[in-house]
Amino acid sequence: MEFLVGFAIGSVISWILLLIVVPIAQKLADFGLPPWPEMLWKLGVVVVAANAASEALG
């Protein structure tokens, strides 16, 4: 149960950070982003993979 709570909290925090950082990075780098649905599932994969790795190591 502790794993699931930590995983959920980590995922939410990661999503929030990514949703803040990506638009800022886009403006700084002036690059085009893929359509929203594609970007969201790719961000989801990054969030889940990073959070699973941190939970496994932590």
Protein backbone atom coordinates (compact mmCIF):
# COMPACT_ATOMS: atom_id res chain seq x y z
CA MET A 1 0.00 0.00 0.00
CA GLU A 2 2.85 2.38 0.81
CA PHE A 3 4.31 1.71 -2.63
CA LEU A 4 1.03 2.67 -4.34
CA VAL A 5 0.67 5.88 -2.33
CA GLY A 6 4.26 6.91 -3.05
CA PHE A 7 3.86 5.98 -6.70
CA ALA A 8 0.63 7.99 -7.05
CA ILE A 9 2.04 11.08 -5.31
CA GLY A 10 5.24 10.91 -7.35
CA SER A 11 3.27 10.57 -10.58
CA VAL A 12 1.08 13.57 -9.79
CA ILE A 13 4.08 15.73 -8.90
CA SER A 14 5.92 14.62 -12.05
CA TRP A 15 2.91 15.44 -14.25
CA ILE A 16 2.57 18.90 -12.72
CA LEU A 17 6.26 19.63 -13.19
CA LEU A 18 6.23 18.40 -16.79
CA LEU A 19 3.13 20.44 -17.63
CA ILE A 20 4.92 23.53 -16.30
CA VAL A 21 8.34 22.84 -17.82
CA VAL A 22 7.30 21.77 -21.34
CA PRO A 23 5.64 25.07 -22.39
CA ILE A 24 8.57 27.05 -20.95
CA ALA A 25 11.06 24.85 -22.80
CA GLN A 26 9.03 25.21 -25.98
CA LYS A 27 9.23 29.00 -25.80
CA LEU A 28 12.93 28.97 -24.97
CA ALA A 29 13.91 26.47 -27.65
CA ASP A 30 11.25 27.56 -30.17
CA PHE A 31 10.53 24.02 -31.30
CA GLY A 32 7.22 22.53 -32.37
CA LEU A 33 5.43 20.06 -30.15
CA PRO A 34 3.40 17.10 -31.42
CA PRO A 35 -0.40 17.21 -31.11
CA TRP A 36 -1.73 17.22 -27.53
CA PRO A 37 -2.96 13.60 -27.38
CA GLU A 38 0.40 12.29 -28.59
CA MET A 39 2.33 14.55 -26.24
CA LEU A 40 0.21 13.56 -23.23
CA TRP A 41 0.69 9.83 -23.64
CA LYS A 42 4.43 10.29 -24.22
CA LEU A 43 4.67 12.42 -21.07
CA GLY A 44 2.70 9.74 -19.24
CA VAL A 45 5.21 7.09 -20.27
CA VAL A 46 8.08 9.28 -19.05
CA VAL A 47 6.34 9.97 -15.73
CA VAL A 48 5.50 6.32 -15.06
CA ALA A 49 8.95 5.07 -16.06
CA ALA A 50 10.78 7.66 -13.95
CA ASN A 51 8.52 7.12 -10.96
CA ALA A 52 8.78 3.32 -11.18
CA ALA A 53 12.57 3.58 -11.31
CA SER A 54 12.71 5.90 -8.31
CA GLU A 55 10.39 3.65 -6.30
CA ALA A 56 12.42 0.57 -7.22
CA LEU A 57 15.68 2.25 -6.21
CA GLY A 58 14.31 4.06 -3.16
